[in-house]
Amino acid sequence: MAGENVSVVFKLYCLTVMTLVAATYTVALRYTRTIPTGDLYFSTTAVCITEIIKLVLSLGMLAKETGSPSRLKNVIVEHVFCSPKELLKLSVPSVVYAVQNNMAFVALSNLDAAVYQVTYQLKIPCTALCTVLMLSRSLSRLQWFSVFMLCGGVTLVQWKPAEVTKVQIEQNPFLGFIAIAIAVLCSGFAGVYFEKVLKSSDTSLWVRNIQMYLSGILVTLIGVYMTDGEKVLEKGFLFGYTPWVCFVVFLASVGGLYTSVVVKYTDNIMKGFSAAAAIVISTVASVILFGLQITFTFATGALLVCMSIYLYGLPKQDTSKVSQPDTDKELKQKLITV
């Protein structure tokens, strides 16, 4: 009984951390992009630094996994320096994730955190579609129903977006929606592609992450040069960075990695509850920090999205030959944001 109690406590811990990270990252990023606190930092450099920190953390996890410096060196030489084809293969999701992360900054510069949090759940039907097309899997009728319900909820949220009263900068909601739509497409494709690569061999998750982050650093550096190159040379790479900006970078760096580690201890229902709770927390924070005025259509749409997330995570009821535990694990993996 004691072991079961510990298991429940740990699951609740995982749920709490995932929820707080998702909600805090969204609200903090929105705050750094809209509240006048001085000179605005370059979002492209923030994305680049995030990739660097992820690489360092993955190297640390791989060092722990290998157990000795010599084995770590051999693994890195074998899978990085002597595997150009694998690096090229992992450059695909690294490019897509780089676009996704930059689009998040654009979206949260133009959309409220609560609206963003709800709309971003479109990654679920996008991931489901990519899974069906790329991995030849099937969804249950209930999952398809929840997908359409989620799309309807997001439509209501966007139909008459909630207004904010404490944000004084100029915003373009249409641009924000386009940015989040691109981010959703990138999330769905990159997540399923990365899962397919992971299952194509027995290579460690941390090795795959290192391969991807190396490409990601190169891609994001190119993005810095092409987008803000002259300004960065003039003002500096870390121009406009405040403790809040550093906090956002920290959350972006550890959030995905932490989720990828602890998600195996939770089920899809708990992940769905976490996403719904993050929406609620983001909404409350937006009311307090940004003066969000909640409309009836927003509240109705957000409720539909929360219900659809829960329904999507319910176990399938059919008795096919595909084992349910394997299916659940696959569903968890594909929704991880690396």
C-alpha atoms as a PDB file:
ATOM      1  CA  MET A   1       0.000   0.000   0.000  1.00  0.00           C
ATOM      2  CA  ALA A   2       2.875   2.331   0.773  1.00  0.00           C
ATOM      3  CA  GLY A   3       4.288   1.839  -2.711  1.00  0.00           C
ATOM      4  CA  GLU A   4       0.915   2.684  -4.248  1.00  0.00           C
ATOM      5  CA  ASN A   5       0.681   5.846  -2.136  1.00  0.00           C
ATOM      6  CA  VAL A   6       4.139   6.929  -3.250  1.00  0.00           C
ATOM      7  CA  SER A   7       3.159   6.259  -6.864  1.00  0.00           C
ATOM      8  CA  VAL A   8       0.053   8.423  -6.569  1.00  0.00           C
ATOM      9  CA  VAL A   9       2.007  11.217  -4.897  1.00  0.00           C
ATOM     10  CA  PHE A  10       4.663  11.119  -7.613  1.00  0.00           C
ATOM     11  CA  LYS A  11       2.035  11.193 -10.359  1.00  0.00           C
ATOM     12  CA  LEU A  12       0.427  14.222  -8.745  1.00  0.00           C
ATOM     13  CA  TYR A  13       3.857  15.826  -8.537  1.00  0.00           C
ATOM     14  CA  CYS A  14       4.439  15.209 -12.246  1.00  0.00           C
ATOM     15  CA  LEU A  15       0.978  16.572 -13.070  1.00  0.00           C
ATOM     16  CA  THR A  16       1.547  19.702 -10.987  1.00  0.00           C
ATOM     17  CA  VAL A  17       4.956  20.448 -12.478  1.00  0.00           C
ATOM     18  CA  MET A  18       3.795  19.909 -16.077  1.00  0.00           C
ATOM     19  CA  THR A  19       0.785  22.156 -15.512  1.00  0.00           C
ATOM     20  CA  LEU A  20       2.741  24.960 -13.853  1.00  0.00           C
ATOM     21  CA  VAL A  21       5.507  24.879 -16.476  1.00  0.00           C
ATOM     22  CA  ALA A  22       3.032  25.059 -19.387  1.00  0.00           C
ATOM     23  CA  ALA A  23       0.967  27.864 -17.857  1.00  0.00           C
ATOM     24  CA  THR A  24       3.890  29.864 -16.432  1.00  0.00           C
ATOM     25  CA  TYR A  25       5.866  29.729 -19.683  1.00  0.00           C
ATOM     26  CA  THR A  26       2.939  31.072 -21.696  1.00  0.00           C
ATOM     27  CA  VAL A  27       2.093  33.863 -19.263  1.00  0.00           C
ATOM     28  CA  ALA A  28       5.737  34.858 -18.668  1.00  0.00           C
ATOM     29  CA  LEU A  29       6.490  34.943 -22.393  1.00  0.00           C
ATOM     30  CA  ARG A  30       3.413  37.079 -23.020  1.00  0.00           C
ATOM     31  CA  TYR A  31       4.519  39.408 -20.203  1.00  0.00           C
ATOM     32  CA  THR A  32       8.020  39.888 -21.649  1.00  0.00           C
ATOM     33  CA  ARG A  33       6.609  40.675 -25.101  1.00  0.00           C
ATOM     34  CA  THR A  34       3.863  43.130 -24.094  1.00  0.00           C
ATOM     35  CA  ILE A  35       4.641  44.847 -20.776  1.00  0.00           C
ATOM     36  CA  PRO A  36       6.949  47.856 -21.293  1.00  0.00           C
ATOM     37  CA  THR A  37      10.005  47.082 -19.124  1.00  0.00           C
ATOM     38  CA  GLY A  38      12.660  48.720 -21.294  1.00  0.00           C
ATOM     39  CA  ASP A  39      14.161  47.723 -24.610  1.00  0.00           C
ATOM     40  CA  LEU A  40      12.585  44.616 -26.182  1.00  0.00           C
ATOM     41  CA  TYR A  41      14.911  41.645 -26.521  1.00  0.00           C
ATOM     42  CA  PHE A  42      15.445  39.693 -29.737  1.00  0.00           C
ATOM     43  CA  SER A  43      13.238  36.605 -29.742  1.00  0.00           C
ATOM     44  CA  THR A  44      15.562  34.835 -32.192  1.00  0.00           C
ATOM     45  CA  THR A  45      18.452  34.959 -29.704  1.00  0.00           C
ATOM     46  CA  ALA A  46      16.192  33.578 -26.966  1.00  0.00           C
ATOM     47  CA  VAL A  47      15.322  30.589 -29.161  1.00  0.00           C
ATOM     48  CA  CYS A  48      19.022  30.034 -29.920  1.00  0.00           C
ATOM     49  CA  ILE A  49      20.038  30.145 -26.244  1.00  0.00           C
ATOM     50  CA  THR A  50      17.235  27.713 -25.449  1.00  0.00           C
ATOM     51  CA  GLU A  51      18.685  25.203 -27.914  1.00  0.00           C
ATOM     52  CA  ILE A  52      22.154  25.598 -26.375  1.00  0.00           C
ATOM     53  CA  ILE A  53      20.837  24.963 -22.860  1.00  0.00           C
ATOM     54  CA  LYS A  54      18.898  21.923 -24.073  1.00  0.00           C
ATOM     55  CA  LEU A  55      22.088  20.554 -25.623  1.00  0.00           C
ATOM     56  CA  VAL A  56      24.015  21.015 -22.377  1.00  0.00           C
ATOM     57  CA  LEU A  57      21.246  19.364 -20.338  1.00  0.00           C
ATOM     58  CA  SER A  58      21.035  16.444 -22.777  1.00  0.00           C
ATOM     59  CA  LEU A  59      24.812  15.968 -22.559  1.00  0.00           C
ATOM     60  CA  GLY A  60      24.459  15.847 -18.793  1.00  0.00           C
ATOM     61  CA  MET A  61      21.688  13.239 -18.992  1.00  0.00           C
ATOM     62  CA  LEU A  62      23.724  11.179 -21.470  1.00  0.00           C
ATOM     63  CA  ALA A  63      26.749  11.359 -19.155  1.00  0.00           C
ATOM     64  CA  LYS A  64      24.574  10.016 -16.343  1.00  0.00           C
ATOM     65  CA  GLU A  65      23.243   7.279 -18.638  1.00  0.00           C
ATOM     66  CA  THR A  66      26.673   6.140 -19.871  1.00  0.00           C
ATOM     67  CA  GLY A  67      28.220   6.248 -16.415  1.00  0.00           C
ATOM     68  CA  SER A  68      31.797   7.214 -17.324  1.00  0.00           C
ATOM     69  CA  PRO A  69      33.603   9.961 -19.301  1.00  0.00           C
ATOM     70  CA  SER A  70      35.261   7.425 -21.614  1.00  0.00           C
ATOM     71  CA  ARG A  71      31.945   5.796 -22.566  1.00  0.00           C
ATOM     72  CA  LEU A  72      30.394   9.239 -23.031  1.00  0.00           C
ATOM     73  CA  LYS A  73      33.226  10.191 -25.377  1.00  0.00           C
ATOM     74  CA  ASN A  74      32.848   6.988 -27.395  1.00  0.00           C
ATOM     75  CA  VAL A  75      29.073   7.463 -27.734  1.00  0.00           C
ATOM     76  CA  ILE A  76      29.450  11.077 -28.890  1.00  0.00           C
ATOM     77  CA  VAL A  77      32.180  10.181 -31.409  1.00  0.00           C
ATOM     78  CA  GLU A  78      30.150   7.267 -32.774  1.00  0.00           C
ATOM     79  CA  HIS A  79      26.764   8.966 -33.011  1.00  0.00           C
ATOM     80  CA  VAL A  80      27.777  12.567 -33.729  1.00  0.00           C
ATOM     81  CA  PHE A  81      31.143  12.895 -35.454  1.00  0.00           C
ATOM     82  CA  CYS A  82      30.913   9.577 -37.317  1.00  0.00           C
ATOM     83  CA  SER A  83      27.205   9.749 -38.199  1.00  0.00           C
ATOM     84  CA  PRO A  84      26.633  12.623 -40.653  1.00  0.00           C
ATOM     85  CA  LYS A  85      23.579  10.863 -42.114  1.00  0.00           C
ATOM     86  CA  GLU A  86      21.934  10.692 -38.698  1.00  0.00           C
ATOM     87  CA  LEU A  87      22.685  14.363 -38.081  1.00  0.00           C
ATOM     88  CA  LEU A  88      21.111  15.206 -41.416  1.00  0.00           C
ATOM     89  CA  LYS A  89      18.069  13.079 -40.564  1.00  0.00           C
ATOM     90  CA  LEU A  90      17.596  14.917 -37.257  1.00  0.00           C
ATOM     91  CA  SER A  91      18.080  18.302 -38.920  1.00  0.00           C
ATOM     92  CA  VAL A  92      14.524  18.030 -40.271  1.00  0.00           C
ATOM     93  CA  PRO A  93      12.740  18.247 -36.887  1.00  0.00           C
ATOM     94  CA  SER A  94      15.334  20.744 -35.630  1.00  0.00           C
ATOM     95  CA  VAL A  95      14.430  23.159 -38.442  1.00  0.00           C
ATOM     96  CA  VAL A  96      10.710  22.615 -37.856  1.00  0.00           C
ATOM     97  CA  TYR A  97      11.021  23.082 -34.099  1.00  0.00           C
ATOM     98  CA  ALA A  98      13.052  26.259 -34.637  1.00  0.00           C
ATOM     99  CA  VAL A  99      10.215  27.673 -36.747  1.00  0.00           C
ATOM    100  CA  GLN A 100       7.677  26.558 -34.132  1.00  0.00           C
ATOM    101  CA  ASN A 101       9.536  28.219 -31.247  1.00  0.00           C
ATOM    102  CA  ASN A 102       9.932  31.488 -33.140  1.00  0.00           C
ATOM    103  CA  MET A 103       6.240  31.445 -34.063  1.00  0.00           C
ATOM    104  CA  ALA A 104       5.374  31.147 -30.368  1.00  0.00           C
ATOM    105  CA  PHE A 105       7.036  34.523 -29.764  1.00  0.00           C
ATOM    106  CA  VAL A 106       5.149  36.075 -32.676  1.00  0.00           C
ATOM    107  CA  ALA A 107       1.839  34.591 -31.514  1.00  0.00           C
ATOM    108  CA  LEU A 108       2.228  35.723 -27.899  1.00  0.00           C
ATOM    109  CA  SER A 109       3.174  39.205 -29.055  1.00  0.00           C
ATOM    110  CA  ASN A 110      -0.256  39.460 -30.672  1.00  0.00           C
ATOM    111  CA  LEU A 111      -2.568  37.130 -28.730  1.00  0.00           C
ATOM    112  CA  ASP A 112      -3.445  36.945 -25.062  1.00  0.00           C
ATOM    113  CA  ALA A 113      -1.890  34.080 -23.098  1.00  0.00           C
ATOM    114  CA  ALA A 114      -5.279  32.432 -22.456  1.00  0.00           C
ATOM    115  CA  VAL A 115      -6.308  32.661 -26.118  1.00  0.00           C
ATOM    116  CA  TYR A 116      -2.910  31.251 -27.116  1.00  0.00           C
ATOM    117  CA  GLN A 117      -3.164  28.393 -24.613  1.00  0.00           C
ATOM    118  CA  VAL A 118      -6.578  27.353 -25.912  1.00  0.00           C
ATOM    119  CA  THR A 119      -5.742  27.735 -29.604  1.00  0.00           C
ATOM    120  CA  TYR A 120      -2.449  25.876 -29.252  1.00  0.00           C
ATOM    121  CA  GLN A 121      -4.402  22.741 -28.339  1.00  0.00           C
ATOM    122  CA  LEU A 122      -5.014  22.411 -32.087  1.00  0.00           C
ATOM    123  CA  LYS A 123      -1.717  20.511 -31.958  1.00  0.00           C
ATOM    124  CA  ILE A 124      -3.781  17.492 -30.842  1.00  0.00           C
ATOM    125  CA  PRO A 125      -5.793  17.073 -34.083  1.00  0.00           C
ATOM    126  CA  CYS A 126      -2.723  18.061 -36.094  1.00  0.00           C
ATOM    127  CA  THR A 127      -0.652  15.386 -34.363  1.00  0.00           C
ATOM    128  CA  ALA A 128      -3.482  12.887 -34.800  1.00  0.00           C
ATOM    129  CA  LEU A 129      -3.627  13.587 -38.545  1.00  0.00           C
ATOM    130  CA  CYS A 130       0.156  13.267 -38.896  1.00  0.00           C
ATOM    131  CA  THR A 131       0.035  10.001 -36.965  1.00  0.00           C
ATOM    132  CA  VAL A 132      -2.601   8.569 -39.284  1.00  0.00           C
ATOM    133  CA  LEU A 133      -0.724   9.683 -42.412  1.00  0.00           C
ATOM    134  CA  MET A 134       2.885   9.041 -41.368  1.00  0.00           C
ATOM    135  CA  LEU A 135       2.601   6.084 -38.975  1.00  0.00           C
ATOM    136  CA  SER A 136      -0.520   4.414 -40.427  1.00  0.00           C
ATOM    137  CA  ARG A 137      -2.325   4.339 -37.095  1.00  0.00           C
ATOM    138  CA  SER A 138      -6.044   4.713 -36.512  1.00  0.00           C
ATOM    139  CA  LEU A 139      -8.120   6.764 -34.121  1.00  0.00           C
ATOM    140  CA  SER A 140     -11.259   5.649 -32.350  1.00  0.00           C
ATOM    141  CA  ARG A 141     -14.620   7.261 -33.080  1.00  0.00           C
ATOM    142  CA  LEU A 142     -14.475   8.991 -29.715  1.00  0.00           C
ATOM    143  CA  GLN A 143     -11.084  10.485 -30.555  1.00  0.00           C
ATOM    144  CA  TRP A 144     -12.329  11.753 -33.913  1.00  0.00           C
ATOM    145  CA  PHE A 145     -15.375  13.230 -32.167  1.00  0.00           C
ATOM    146  CA  SER A 146     -13.111  14.955 -29.624  1.00  0.00           C
ATOM    147  CA  VAL A 147     -10.954  16.330 -32.457  1.00  0.00           C
ATOM    148  CA  PHE A 148     -13.967  17.993 -34.092  1.00  0.00           C
ATOM    149  CA  MET A 149     -15.162  19.238 -30.703  1.00  0.00           C
ATOM    150  CA  LEU A 150     -11.748  20.778 -30.066  1.00  0.00           C
ATOM    151  CA  CYS A 151     -11.761  22.527 -33.441  1.00  0.00           C
ATOM    152  CA  GLY A 152     -15.228  23.885 -32.680  1.00  0.00           C
ATOM    153  CA  GLY A 153     -14.055  25.175 -29.310  1.00  0.00           C
ATOM    154  CA  VAL A 154     -11.067  26.944 -30.826  1.00  0.00           C
ATOM    155  CA  THR A 155     -13.337  28.456 -33.484  1.00  0.00           C
ATOM    156  CA  LEU A 156     -15.536  29.950 -30.749  1.00  0.00           C
ATOM    157  CA  VAL A 157     -12.485  31.351 -28.955  1.00  0.00           C
ATOM    158  CA  GLN A 158     -11.249  32.996 -32.140  1.00  0.00           C
ATOM    159  CA  TRP A 159     -14.728  34.095 -33.276  1.00  0.00           C
ATOM    160  CA  LYS A 160     -14.862  36.897 -30.752  1.00  0.00           C
ATOM    161  CA  PRO A 161     -11.531  36.954 -28.893  1.00  0.00           C
ATOM    162  CA  ALA A 162     -11.426  38.161 -25.312  1.00  0.00           C
ATOM    163  CA  GLU A 163     -10.122  41.700 -24.950  1.00  0.00           C
ATOM    164  CA  VAL A 164      -7.258  42.955 -22.797  1.00  0.00           C
ATOM    165  CA  THR A 165      -7.128  46.376 -21.161  1.00  0.00           C
ATOM    166  CA  LYS A 166      -3.612  46.576 -19.686  1.00  0.00           C
ATOM    167  CA  VAL A 167      -1.613  45.922 -22.857  1.00  0.00           C
ATOM    168  CA  GLN A 168      -0.671  49.169 -24.547  1.00  0.00           C
ATOM    169  CA  ILE A 169       1.410  47.887 -27.470  1.00  0.00           C
ATOM    170  CA  GLU A 170      -0.034  47.505 -30.956  1.00  0.00           C
ATOM    171  CA  GLN A 171      -1.236  43.972 -31.670  1.00  0.00           C
ATOM    172  CA  ASN A 172      -2.368  42.092 -34.747  1.00  0.00           C
ATOM    173  CA  PRO A 173      -4.665  39.185 -33.737  1.00  0.00           C
ATOM    174  CA  PHE A 174      -4.779  37.857 -37.311  1.00  0.00           C
ATOM    175  CA  LEU A 175      -0.977  37.691 -37.449  1.00  0.00           C
ATOM    176  CA  GLY A 176      -1.006  35.997 -34.061  1.00  0.00           C
ATOM    177  CA  PHE A 177      -3.454  33.358 -35.276  1.00  0.00           C
ATOM    178  CA  ILE A 178      -1.394  32.699 -38.419  1.00  0.00           C
ATOM    179  CA  ALA A 179       1.722  32.331 -36.246  1.00  0.00           C
ATOM    180  CA  ILE A 180       0.042  29.876 -33.893  1.00  0.00           C
ATOM    181  CA  ALA A 181      -1.378  27.926 -36.845  1.00  0.00           C
ATOM    182  CA  ILE A 182       2.151  27.522 -38.217  1.00  0.00           C
ATOM    183  CA  ALA A 183       3.383  26.517 -34.748  1.00  0.00           C
ATOM    184  CA  VAL A 184       0.631  23.902 -34.487  1.00  0.00           C
ATOM    185  CA  LEU A 185       1.502  22.398 -37.877  1.00  0.00           C
ATOM    186  CA  CYS A 186       5.186  22.324 -36.944  1.00  0.00           C
ATOM    187  CA  SER A 187       4.448  20.702 -33.586  1.00  0.00           C
ATOM    188  CA  GLY A 188       2.345  17.949 -35.121  1.00  0.00           C
ATOM    189  CA  PHE A 189       4.761  17.086 -37.922  1.00  0.00           C
ATOM    190  CA  ALA A 190       7.995  17.358 -35.909  1.00  0.00           C
ATOM    191  CA  GLY A 191       6.615  15.344 -32.996  1.00  0.00           C
ATOM    192  CA  VAL A 192       5.521  12.434 -35.183  1.00  0.00           C
ATOM    193  CA  TYR A 193       8.703  12.594 -37.303  1.00  0.00           C
ATOM    194  CA  PHE A 194      10.878  12.499 -34.173  1.00  0.00           C
ATOM    195  CA  GLU A 195       8.887   9.544 -32.825  1.00  0.00           C
ATOM    196  CA  LYS A 196       9.393   7.708 -36.104  1.00  0.00           C
ATOM    197  CA  VAL A 197      13.153   8.329 -35.942  1.00  0.00           C
ATOM    198  CA  LEU A 198      13.284   7.163 -32.313  1.00  0.00           C
ATOM    199  CA  LYS A 199      11.550   3.888 -33.181  1.00  0.00           C
ATOM    200  CA  SER A 200      13.707   3.241 -36.242  1.00  0.00           C
ATOM    201  CA  SER A 201      16.653   2.199 -34.026  1.00  0.00           C
ATOM    202  CA  ASP A 202      17.661   1.521 -30.432  1.00  0.00           C
ATOM    203  CA  THR A 203      19.633   4.756 -30.182  1.00  0.00           C
ATOM    204  CA  SER A 204      19.237   6.533 -26.839  1.00  0.00           C
ATOM    205  CA  LEU A 205      16.705   9.356 -26.555  1.00  0.00           C
ATOM    206  CA  TRP A 206      19.470  11.641 -25.244  1.00  0.00           C
ATOM    207  CA  VAL A 207      21.716  10.845 -28.214  1.00  0.00           C
ATOM    208  CA  ARG A 208      18.858  11.710 -30.568  1.00  0.00           C
ATOM    209  CA  ASN A 209      18.251  14.931 -28.646  1.00  0.00           C
ATOM    210  CA  ILE A 210      21.932  15.883 -28.928  1.00  0.00           C
ATOM    211  CA  GLN A 211      21.894  15.211 -32.669  1.00  0.00           C
ATOM    212  CA  MET A 212      18.789  17.355 -33.038  1.00  0.00           C
ATOM    213  CA  TYR A 213      19.969  20.218 -30.822  1.00  0.00           C
ATOM    214  CA  LEU A 214      23.293  20.490 -32.657  1.00  0.00           C
ATOM    215  CA  SER A 215      21.365  21.090 -35.874  1.00  0.00           C
ATOM    216  CA  GLY A 216      18.958  23.319 -33.980  1.00  0.00           C
ATOM    217  CA  ILE A 217      21.740  25.604 -32.752  1.00  0.00           C
ATOM    218  CA  LEU A 218      23.037  26.019 -36.299  1.00  0.00           C
ATOM    219  CA  VAL A 219      19.553  26.696 -37.662  1.00  0.00           C
ATOM    220  CA  THR A 220      18.683  29.233 -34.954  1.00  0.00           C
ATOM    221  CA  LEU A 221      22.005  31.036 -35.415  1.00  0.00           C
ATOM    222  CA  ILE A 222      21.171  31.389 -39.109  1.00  0.00           C
ATOM    223  CA  GLY A 223      17.775  32.720 -38.040  1.00  0.00           C
ATOM    224  CA  VAL A 224      19.436  35.304 -35.782  1.00  0.00           C
ATOM    225  CA  TYR A 225      21.682  36.435 -38.631  1.00  0.00           C
ATOM    226  CA  MET A 226      18.894  36.655 -41.221  1.00  0.00           C
ATOM    227  CA  THR A 227      16.278  38.307 -38.971  1.00  0.00           C
ATOM    228  CA  ASP A 228      18.169  40.472 -36.487  1.00  0.00           C
ATOM    229  CA  GLY A 229      21.777  40.262 -37.685  1.00  0.00           C
ATOM    230  CA  GLU A 230      22.525  43.991 -37.955  1.00  0.00           C
ATOM    231  CA  LYS A 231      20.727  44.860 -34.722  1.00  0.00           C
ATOM    232  CA  VAL A 232      22.494  42.074 -32.813  1.00  0.00           C
ATOM    233  CA  LEU A 233      25.889  43.269 -34.042  1.00  0.00           C
ATOM    234  CA  GLU A 234      25.004  46.811 -33.036  1.00  0.00           C
ATOM    235  CA  LYS A 235      23.349  46.188 -29.656  1.00  0.00           C
ATOM    236  CA  GLY A 236      24.655  42.781 -28.580  1.00  0.00           C
ATOM    237  CA  PHE A 237      23.377  39.208 -28.482  1.00  0.00           C
ATOM    238  CA  LEU A 238      21.836  39.605 -25.018  1.00  0.00           C
ATOM    239  CA  PHE A 239      20.353  43.054 -25.609  1.00  0.00           C
ATOM    240  CA  GLY A 240      17.162  43.649 -23.618  1.00  0.00           C
ATOM    241  CA  TYR A 241      17.523  40.583 -21.414  1.00  0.00           C
ATOM    242  CA  THR A 242      15.950  40.910 -17.969  1.00  0.00           C
ATOM    243  CA  PRO A 243      15.432  38.359 -15.181  1.00  0.00           C
ATOM    244  CA  TRP A 244      11.980  37.678 -16.645  1.00  0.00           C
ATOM    245  CA  VAL A 245      13.442  36.948 -20.077  1.00  0.00           C
ATOM    246  CA  CYS A 246      16.014  34.604 -18.512  1.00  0.00           C
ATOM    247  CA  PHE A 247      13.151  32.894 -16.682  1.00  0.00           C
ATOM    248  CA  VAL A 248      11.295  32.370 -19.970  1.00  0.00           C
ATOM    249  CA  VAL A 249      14.414  30.872 -21.565  1.00  0.00           C
ATOM    250  CA  PHE A 250      14.862  28.605 -18.548  1.00  0.00           C
ATOM    251  CA  LEU A 251      11.263  27.357 -18.741  1.00  0.00           C
ATOM    252  CA  ALA A 252      11.545  26.758 -22.478  1.00  0.00           C
ATOM    253  CA  SER A 253      14.781  24.817 -21.958  1.00  0.00           C
ATOM    254  CA  VAL A 254      13.786  22.497 -19.138  1.00  0.00           C
ATOM    255  CA  GLY A 255      10.063  22.242 -19.839  1.00  0.00           C
ATOM    256  CA  GLY A 256      10.167  19.888 -22.805  1.00  0.00           C
ATOM    257  CA  LEU A 257      13.033  17.815 -21.426  1.00  0.00           C
ATOM    258  CA  TYR A 258      11.324  17.427 -18.074  1.00  0.00           C
ATOM    259  CA  THR A 259       8.058  16.437 -19.719  1.00  0.00           C
ATOM    260  CA  SER A 260       9.821  13.819 -21.847  1.00  0.00           C
ATOM    261  CA  VAL A 261      11.251  12.247 -18.688  1.00  0.00           C
ATOM    262  CA  VAL A 262       8.163  12.229 -16.443  1.00  0.00           C
ATOM    263  CA  VAL A 263       5.458  11.578 -19.037  1.00  0.00           C
ATOM    264  CA  LYS A 264       6.025   7.821 -18.740  1.00  0.00           C
ATOM    265  CA  TYR A 265       4.737   7.974 -15.163  1.00  0.00           C
ATOM    266  CA  THR A 266       1.407   9.511 -16.169  1.00  0.00           C
ATOM    267  CA  ASP A 267      -1.428   8.513 -18.479  1.00  0.00           C
ATOM    268  CA  ASN A 268      -3.264  10.387 -21.221  1.00  0.00           C
ATOM    269  CA  ILE A 269      -6.113  11.382 -18.902  1.00  0.00           C
ATOM    270  CA  MET A 270      -3.643  13.067 -16.552  1.00  0.00           C
ATOM    271  CA  LYS A 271      -1.957  14.826 -19.482  1.00  0.00           C
ATOM    272  CA  GLY A 272      -5.352  16.033 -20.640  1.00  0.00           C
ATOM    273  CA  PHE A 273      -6.183  17.264 -17.165  1.00  0.00           C
ATOM    274  CA  SER A 274      -2.826  19.038 -17.058  1.00  0.00           C
ATOM    275  CA  ALA A 275      -3.538  20.832 -20.352  1.00  0.00           C
ATOM    276  CA  ALA A 276      -7.011  21.861 -19.145  1.00  0.00           C
ATOM    277  CA  ALA A 277      -5.607  23.090 -15.832  1.00  0.00           C
ATOM    278  CA  ALA A 278      -2.959  25.106 -17.697  1.00  0.00           C
ATOM    279  CA  ILE A 279      -5.743  26.814 -19.660  1.00  0.00           C
ATOM    280  CA  VAL A 280      -7.531  27.741 -16.430  1.00  0.00           C
ATOM    281  CA  ILE A 281      -4.343  29.053 -14.789  1.00  0.00           C
ATOM    282  CA  SER A 282      -3.413  31.062 -17.897  1.00  0.00           C
ATOM    283  CA  THR A 283      -6.897  32.569 -17.998  1.00  0.00           C
ATOM    284  CA  VAL A 284      -6.813  33.615 -14.329  1.00  0.00           C
ATOM    285  CA  ALA A 285      -3.306  35.055 -14.743  1.00  0.00           C
ATOM    286  CA  SER A 286      -4.390  36.956 -17.854  1.00  0.00           C
ATOM    287  CA  VAL A 287      -7.317  38.510 -15.997  1.00  0.00           C
ATOM    288  CA  ILE A 288      -4.996  39.676 -13.213  1.00  0.00           C
ATOM    289  CA  LEU A 289      -1.929  40.727 -15.222  1.00  0.00           C
ATOM    290  CA  PHE A 290      -3.360  41.862 -18.553  1.00  0.00           C
ATOM    291  CA  GLY A 291      -6.925  42.874 -17.695  1.00  0.00           C
ATOM    292  CA  LEU A 292      -8.448  40.103 -19.802  1.00  0.00           C
ATOM    293  CA  GLN A 293     -12.191  40.509 -20.258  1.00  0.00           C
ATOM    294  CA  ILE A 294     -13.694  37.066 -20.710  1.00  0.00           C
ATOM    295  CA  THR A 295     -16.546  36.804 -23.217  1.00  0.00           C
ATOM    296  CA  PHE A 296     -19.252  34.158 -23.352  1.00  0.00           C
ATOM    297  CA  THR A 297     -17.895  32.713 -26.595  1.00  0.00           C
ATOM    298  CA  PHE A 298     -14.374  32.467 -25.104  1.00  0.00           C
ATOM    299  CA  ALA A 299     -15.642  30.698 -21.976  1.00  0.00           C
ATOM    300  CA  THR A 300     -17.766  28.292 -24.037  1.00  0.00           C
ATOM    301  CA  GLY A 301     -14.939  27.549 -26.461  1.00  0.00           C
ATOM    302  CA  ALA A 302     -12.414  27.008 -23.665  1.00  0.00           C
ATOM    303  CA  LEU A 303     -14.818  24.602 -21.943  1.00  0.00           C
ATOM    304  CA  LEU A 304     -15.283  22.613 -25.171  1.00  0.00           C
ATOM    305  CA  VAL A 305     -11.521  22.416 -25.630  1.00  0.00           C
ATOM    306  CA  CYS A 306     -11.006  21.143 -22.068  1.00  0.00           C
ATOM    307  CA  MET A 307     -13.736  18.504 -22.545  1.00  0.00           C
ATOM    308  CA  SER A 308     -12.300  17.402 -25.883  1.00  0.00           C
ATOM    309  CA  ILE A 309      -8.811  16.991 -24.396  1.00  0.00           C
ATOM    310  CA  TYR A 310     -10.252  14.725 -21.711  1.00  0.00           C
ATOM    311  CA  LEU A 311     -12.232  12.651 -24.230  1.00  0.00           C
ATOM    312  CA  TYR A 312      -9.244  12.311 -26.545  1.00  0.00           C
ATOM    313  CA  GLY A 313      -7.171  10.845 -23.728  1.00  0.00           C
ATOM    314  CA  LEU A 314      -9.693   8.148 -22.780  1.00  0.00           C
ATOM    315  CA  PRO A 315      -8.578   4.569 -23.568  1.00  0.00           C
ATOM    316  CA  LYS A 316      -9.922   3.009 -26.750  1.00  0.00           C
ATOM    317  CA  GLN A 317     -12.844   0.655 -26.240  1.00  0.00           C
ATOM    318  CA  ASP A 318     -12.335  -1.590 -29.267  1.00  0.00           C
ATOM    319  CA  THR A 319     -10.630  -4.943 -28.862  1.00  0.00           C
ATOM    320  CA  SER A 320      -8.204  -4.845 -31.765  1.00  0.00           C
ATOM    321  CA  LYS A 321      -4.996  -6.870 -31.859  1.00  0.00           C
ATOM    322  CA  VAL A 322      -2.933  -3.781 -31.181  1.00  0.00           C
ATOM    323  CA  SER A 323      -2.044  -3.802 -27.483  1.00  0.00           C
ATOM    324  CA  GLN A 324      -3.479  -0.838 -25.607  1.00  0.00           C
ATOM    325  CA  PRO A 325      -0.354  -0.220 -23.459  1.00  0.00           C
ATOM    326  CA  ASP A 326       1.771   0.253 -26.585  1.00  0.00           C
ATOM    327  CA  THR A 327      -0.829   2.579 -28.084  1.00  0.00           C
ATOM    328  CA  ASP A 328      -0.940   4.686 -24.930  1.00  0.00           C
ATOM    329  CA  LYS A 329       2.831   5.026 -24.852  1.00  0.00           C
ATOM    330  CA  GLU A 330       2.860   6.119 -28.476  1.00  0.00           C
ATOM    331  CA  LEU A 331       0.164   8.725 -27.838  1.00  0.00           C
ATOM    332  CA  LYS A 332       2.201  10.099 -24.923  1.00  0.00           C
ATOM    333  CA  GLN A 333       5.423  10.286 -26.933  1.00  0.00           C
ATOM    334  CA  LYS A 334       3.973  12.077 -29.931  1.00  0.00           C
ATOM    335  CA  LEU A 335       2.554  14.926 -27.823  1.00  0.00           C
ATOM    336  CA  ILE A 336       5.944  15.672 -26.215  1.00  0.00           C
ATOM    337  CA  THR A 337       7.394  19.041 -27.222  1.00  0.00           C
ATOM    338  CA  VAL A 338      11.096  18.601 -27.459  1.00  0.00           C
END
